[in-house]
Amino acid sequence: MGILSRTSQVIRSKLNSLLDRAEDPGQQLDYSYEQLQDELQKVKQGIADLTTQKKRLEIQKRRLEENVDKHNEQAREAVEQDRDDLARKALEKKKQKMRQIDDLERQVADLEQKQDGLIQQKDELQRQIEEFRTKKETMKARYEAAEASARVNEAMTGAGEEMDDVSRTIERAQQQTEDMEARAAALDELRETGALENKLSDKSDLDRELDQLATDGAVDRELETLKSEMGTDENADADASEEVDTEEIETDADVESEVSDAEIESELEDLKEKE
């Protein structure tokens, strides 16, 4: 099993465990994304370590190759000086160095193979992380949308219950208002009939009846006075009219009297002349 497979299994296991007990999936997804980023950094660090190790082996190989060249020169010089024993030792060292070089080449090739594999796994992990990031953002958006919808529904449910309370409050207020209006109308009626004043007065019923009788008596007396005054005026007018008529009668009588006296005197004169 490769490092990428093991990493994926570990991440999935952690992710499932976290999501099972997650209170906020968005935060858990962000945490998982950070964990994947950490794993990616570890893979990159592993690649860097392998590269460093390969470089060290390559440096060591170059030094061995230099030693091989050196031992070749030493063997030639020994042969030229008829020192086969020294030439043999130089060639033996050369062979040792070449075996080491071969071993190093195998190690370097193995490291290069591992490095290439890690690079491929790193690229694949990076691709998966990018896909996970996209899914993460999508899942967060969906969760936030669902959470917002749930809050709206809860608010609407709460608003529905609140509206019921508001409706009941309005009904109570309307009933109280109608009761107060009826009370105000009743008080107006009592005030117009005087019953309210009676209720508010400190006088007893007997006192109020006596006051009413006194008021009625005073009104009756004032009415009689008014009638009397009006009657006196009418009598005065009648007397004046009678006086005018009497004067006219007296004038007529005087005229008639004067006429009678003249006739009598005329008759007397006639009688005297006949005598």
Protein backbone atom coordinates (compact mmCIF):
# COMPACT_ATOMS: atom_id res chain seq x y z
CA MET A 1 0.00 0.00 0.00
CA GLY A 2 1.45 3.37 -1.07
CA ILE A 3 1.82 6.42 1.10
CA LEU A 4 -0.99 8.16 -0.75
CA SER A 5 -3.42 5.28 -0.10
CA ARG A 6 -2.48 5.18 3.56
CA THR A 7 -2.83 8.94 3.81
CA SER A 8 -6.23 8.85 2.12
CA GLN A 9 -7.46 6.15 4.48
CA VAL A 10 -6.25 8.05 7.51
CA ILE A 11 -7.84 11.26 6.30
CA ARG A 12 -11.15 9.55 5.48
CA SER A 13 -11.17 7.85 8.85
CA LYS A 14 -10.50 11.12 10.65
CA LEU A 15 -13.01 12.95 8.51
CA ASN A 16 -15.79 10.44 9.14
CA SER A 17 -15.03 10.44 12.83
CA LEU A 18 -15.08 14.22 12.94
CA LEU A 19 -18.27 14.55 10.91
CA ASP A 20 -20.02 12.04 13.18
CA ARG A 21 -19.53 14.30 16.17
CA ALA A 22 -19.29 17.61 14.33
CA GLU A 23 -21.31 20.50 15.59
CA ASP A 24 -20.31 22.66 12.68
CA PRO A 25 -19.48 20.67 9.51
CA GLY A 26 -17.96 23.76 7.93
CA GLN A 27 -15.32 24.00 10.64
CA GLN A 28 -14.66 20.28 10.48
CA LEU A 29 -14.25 20.41 6.71
CA ASP A 30 -11.80 23.27 7.07
CA TYR A 31 -9.93 21.26 9.67
CA SER A 32 -9.80 18.24 7.35
CA TYR A 33 -8.56 20.44 4.54
CA GLU A 34 -5.78 21.70 6.78
CA GLN A 35 -4.91 18.11 7.66
CA LEU A 36 -4.69 17.23 3.98
CA GLN A 37 -2.46 20.23 3.44
CA ASP A 38 -0.25 19.00 6.27
CA GLU A 39 -0.06 15.56 4.65
CA LEU A 40 0.85 17.19 1.36
CA GLN A 41 3.63 19.10 3.08
CA LYS A 42 4.88 15.85 4.57
CA VAL A 43 4.96 14.24 1.13
CA LYS A 44 6.82 17.25 -0.25
CA GLN A 45 9.24 17.05 2.65
CA GLY A 46 9.77 13.34 1.93
CA ILE A 47 10.54 14.15 -1.68
CA ALA A 48 12.97 16.83 -0.56
CA ASP A 49 14.66 14.36 1.81
CA LEU A 50 14.96 11.76 -0.95
CA THR A 51 16.39 14.37 -3.29
CA THR A 52 18.92 15.40 -0.68
CA GLN A 53 19.91 11.76 -0.06
CA LYS A 54 20.24 11.15 -3.79
CA LYS A 55 22.42 14.22 -4.15
CA ARG A 56 24.68 12.96 -1.39
CA LEU A 57 24.99 9.58 -3.10
CA GLU A 58 25.71 11.23 -6.40
CA ILE A 59 28.43 13.34 -4.80
CA GLN A 60 29.88 10.23 -3.19
CA LYS A 61 29.74 8.45 -6.55
CA ARG A 62 31.64 11.27 -8.26
CA ARG A 63 34.33 11.10 -5.62
CA LEU A 64 34.64 7.35 -6.10
CA GLU A 65 34.84 7.85 -9.83
CA GLU A 66 37.64 10.33 -9.25
CA ASN A 67 39.37 7.73 -7.10
CA VAL A 68 38.96 5.17 -9.87
CA ASP A 69 40.71 7.51 -12.28
CA LYS A 70 43.39 8.10 -9.67
CA HIS A 71 43.93 4.38 -9.14
CA ASN A 72 44.22 3.90 -12.90
CA GLU A 73 46.98 6.48 -13.00
CA GLN A 74 48.68 4.84 -10.03
CA ALA A 75 48.55 1.43 -11.74
CA ARG A 76 50.08 2.85 -14.93
CA GLU A 77 52.87 4.55 -13.03
CA ALA A 78 53.57 1.35 -11.12
CA VAL A 79 53.72 -0.68 -14.36
CA GLU A 80 56.06 1.89 -15.87
CA GLN A 81 58.34 1.50 -12.85
CA ASP A 82 58.08 -2.30 -13.00
CA ARG A 83 56.22 -2.34 -9.75
CA ASP A 84 53.58 -4.91 -10.43
CA ASP A 85 52.84 -5.24 -6.75
CA LEU A 86 51.94 -1.54 -6.52
CA ALA A 87 50.00 -1.73 -9.76
CA ARG A 88 48.08 -4.71 -8.37
CA LYS A 89 47.18 -2.79 -5.18
CA ALA A 90 46.05 0.22 -7.21
CA LEU A 91 43.90 -1.97 -9.42
CA GLU A 92 42.39 -3.71 -6.36
CA LYS A 93 41.45 -0.34 -4.90
CA LYS A 94 40.04 0.59 -8.26
CA LYS A 95 37.86 -2.52 -8.24
CA GLN A 96 36.63 -1.74 -4.72
CA LYS A 97 35.74 1.77 -5.72
CA MET A 98 33.93 0.54 -8.80
CA ARG A 99 31.92 -1.91 -6.72
CA GLN A 100 31.02 0.96 -4.42
CA ILE A 101 30.11 3.04 -7.45
CA ASP A 102 27.86 0.27 -8.73
CA ASP A 103 26.21 0.02 -5.32
CA LEU A 104 25.75 3.77 -5.21
CA GLU A 105 24.30 3.77 -8.69
CA ARG A 106 21.75 1.19 -7.61
CA GLN A 107 20.89 3.27 -4.54
CA VAL A 108 20.62 6.41 -6.61
CA ALA A 109 18.40 4.63 -9.13
CA ASP A 110 16.23 3.31 -6.30
CA LEU A 111 15.98 6.76 -4.77
CA GLU A 112 15.12 8.25 -8.14
CA GLN A 113 12.37 5.67 -8.56
CA LYS A 114 11.02 6.43 -5.11
CA GLN A 115 11.33 10.13 -5.81
CA ASP A 116 9.38 9.81 -9.05
CA GLY A 117 6.72 7.80 -7.22
CA LEU A 118 6.45 10.39 -4.47
CA ILE A 119 6.20 13.15 -7.01
CA GLN A 120 3.35 11.32 -8.72
CA GLN A 121 1.67 10.71 -5.37
CA LYS A 122 2.27 14.33 -4.43
CA ASP A 123 0.64 15.48 -7.66
CA GLU A 124 -2.28 13.08 -7.14
CA LEU A 125 -2.70 14.15 -3.52
CA GLN A 126 -2.56 17.79 -4.57
CA ARG A 127 -5.23 17.13 -7.19
CA GLN A 128 -7.41 15.38 -4.62
CA ILE A 129 -6.90 18.23 -2.18
CA GLU A 130 -8.04 20.70 -4.80
CA GLU A 131 -11.10 18.56 -5.49
CA PHE A 132 -11.73 18.28 -1.77
CA ARG A 133 -11.38 22.05 -1.42
CA THR A 134 -14.02 22.54 -4.11
CA LYS A 135 -16.31 19.96 -2.51
CA LYS A 136 -15.60 21.47 0.88
CA GLU A 137 -16.67 24.91 -0.22
CA THR A 138 -19.74 23.44 -1.91
CA MET A 139 -20.64 21.44 1.18
CA LYS A 140 -20.10 24.47 3.39
CA ALA A 141 -22.30 26.56 1.13
CA ARG A 142 -25.00 23.86 1.17
CA TYR A 143 -24.75 23.53 4.93
CA GLU A 144 -24.90 27.28 5.44
CA ALA A 145 -27.87 27.47 3.07
CA ALA A 146 -29.61 24.63 4.93
CA GLU A 147 -28.75 26.28 8.24
CA ALA A 148 -30.13 29.60 7.02
CA SER A 149 -33.26 27.85 5.76
CA ALA A 150 -33.64 26.12 9.09
CA ARG A 151 -33.26 29.43 10.92
CA VAL A 152 -35.84 31.00 8.61
CA ASN A 153 -38.24 28.13 9.20
CA GLU A 154 -37.65 28.34 12.92
CA ALA A 155 -38.18 32.08 12.75
CA MET A 156 -41.36 31.58 10.73
CA THR A 157 -42.57 28.98 13.19
CA GLY A 158 -41.73 31.29 16.04
CA ALA A 159 -43.35 34.15 14.16
CA GLY A 160 -46.49 32.05 13.67
CA GLU A 161 -46.69 31.38 17.37
CA GLU A 162 -45.89 35.02 18.06
CA MET A 163 -48.60 36.11 15.62
CA ASP A 164 -51.07 33.96 17.53
CA ASP A 165 -50.08 35.79 20.69
CA VAL A 166 -50.34 39.10 18.84
CA SER A 167 -53.80 38.18 17.55
CA ARG A 168 -54.94 37.28 21.03
CA THR A 169 -53.47 40.52 22.33
CA ILE A 170 -55.31 42.49 19.66
CA GLU A 171 -58.55 40.71 20.50
CA ARG A 172 -58.12 41.51 24.18
CA ALA A 173 -57.26 45.13 23.40
CA GLN A 174 -60.29 45.40 21.12
CA GLN A 175 -62.56 43.93 23.78
CA GLN A 176 -61.14 46.27 26.42
CA THR A 177 -61.57 49.20 24.06
CA GLU A 178 -65.19 48.30 23.39
CA ASP A 179 -65.80 47.91 27.12
CA MET A 180 -64.25 51.31 27.78
CA GLU A 181 -66.29 52.91 25.00
CA ALA A 182 -69.46 51.40 26.47
CA ARG A 183 -68.47 52.66 29.91
CA ALA A 184 -67.80 56.14 28.52
CA ALA A 185 -71.17 56.14 26.74
CA ALA A 186 -72.93 55.06 29.96
CA LEU A 187 -71.20 57.81 31.92
CA ASP A 188 -72.21 60.36 29.28
CA GLU A 189 -75.80 59.19 29.59
CA LEU A 190 -75.68 59.40 33.37
CA ARG A 191 -74.15 62.85 33.16
CA GLU A 192 -76.88 64.05 30.75
CA THR A 193 -79.65 62.71 33.01
CA GLY A 194 -78.01 64.16 36.09
CA ALA A 195 -77.64 60.78 37.71
CA LEU A 196 -73.89 61.09 37.62
CA GLU A 197 -74.01 64.36 39.52
CA ASN A 198 -76.33 62.75 42.05
CA LYS A 199 -73.92 59.91 42.51
CA LEU A 200 -71.00 62.29 42.89
CA SER A 201 -72.85 64.65 45.30
CA ASP A 202 -72.50 64.36 49.06
CA LYS A 203 -76.22 65.21 49.62
CA SER A 204 -78.74 62.60 50.64
CA ASP A 205 -81.78 61.75 48.57
CA LEU A 206 -83.98 63.74 50.97
CA ASP A 207 -81.74 66.80 50.60
CA ARG A 208 -81.85 66.51 46.85
CA GLU A 209 -85.67 66.17 46.86
CA LEU A 210 -86.04 69.23 49.11
CA ASP A 211 -83.67 71.18 46.85
CA GLN A 212 -85.74 70.11 43.88
CA LEU A 213 -88.96 71.19 45.58
CA ALA A 214 -87.42 74.52 46.47
CA THR A 215 -86.28 74.95 42.92
CA ASP A 216 -89.72 74.02 41.60
CA GLY A 217 -91.39 76.49 44.04
CA ALA A 218 -89.06 79.29 43.04
CA VAL A 219 -89.74 78.60 39.40
CA ASP A 220 -93.50 78.56 40.00
CA ARG A 221 -93.34 81.87 41.86
CA GLU A 222 -91.27 83.47 39.17
CA LEU A 223 -93.72 82.19 36.60
CA GLU A 224 -96.66 83.66 38.50
CA THR A 225 -94.82 86.96 38.85
CA LEU A 226 -94.15 86.95 35.14
CA LYS A 227 -97.80 86.20 34.43
CA SER A 228 -98.91 88.91 36.82
CA GLU A 229 -96.68 91.45 35.19
CA MET A 230 -97.95 90.46 31.81
CA GLY A 231 -101.59 90.60 33.09
CA THR A 232 -101.16 94.13 34.54
CA ASP A 233 -99.93 95.42 31.28
CA GLU A 234 -102.99 94.00 29.50
CA ASN A 235 -105.40 95.61 32.03
CA ALA A 236 -103.72 98.98 31.61
CA ASP A 237 -104.17 98.79 27.88
CA ALA A 238 -107.85 97.91 28.31
CA ASP A 239 -108.48 100.88 30.68
CA ALA A 240 -106.84 103.25 28.24
CA SER A 241 -109.07 102.01 25.49
CA GLU A 242 -112.17 102.45 27.67
CA GLU A 243 -111.18 106.05 28.54
CA VAL A 244 -110.90 106.89 24.86
CA ASP A 245 -114.36 105.48 24.23
CA THR A 246 -115.86 107.40 27.19
CA GLU A 247 -114.45 110.67 25.98
CA GLU A 248 -115.94 110.06 22.61
CA ILE A 249 -119.35 109.27 24.19
CA GLU A 250 -119.16 112.36 26.35
CA THR A 251 -118.36 114.57 23.35
CA ASP A 252 -121.30 113.21 21.46
CA ALA A 253 -123.56 113.84 24.45
CA ASP A 254 -122.39 117.41 24.73
CA VAL A 255 -123.09 117.97 21.06
CA GLU A 256 -126.53 116.51 21.45
CA SER A 257 -127.11 118.64 24.58
CA GLU A 258 -126.03 121.81 22.80
CA VAL A 259 -128.30 120.96 19.92
CA SER A 260 -131.27 120.48 22.24
CA ASP A 261 -130.73 123.79 24.05
CA ALA A 262 -130.63 125.72 20.77
CA GLU A 263 -133.86 124.16 19.66
CA ILE A 264 -135.46 125.01 23.01
CA GLU A 265 -134.32 128.62 22.83
CA SER A 266 -135.56 128.84 19.26
CA GLU A 267 -138.97 127.56 20.25
CA LEU A 268 -139.09 130.00 23.18
CA GLU A 269 -138.34 132.88 20.83
CA ASP A 270 -141.13 131.73 18.55
CA LEU A 271 -143.56 131.68 21.47
CA LYS A 272 -142.58 135.19 22.52
CA GLU A 273 -143.16 136.56 19.04
CA LYS A 274 -146.66 134.96 18.93
CA GLU A 275 -147.59 136.69 22.12
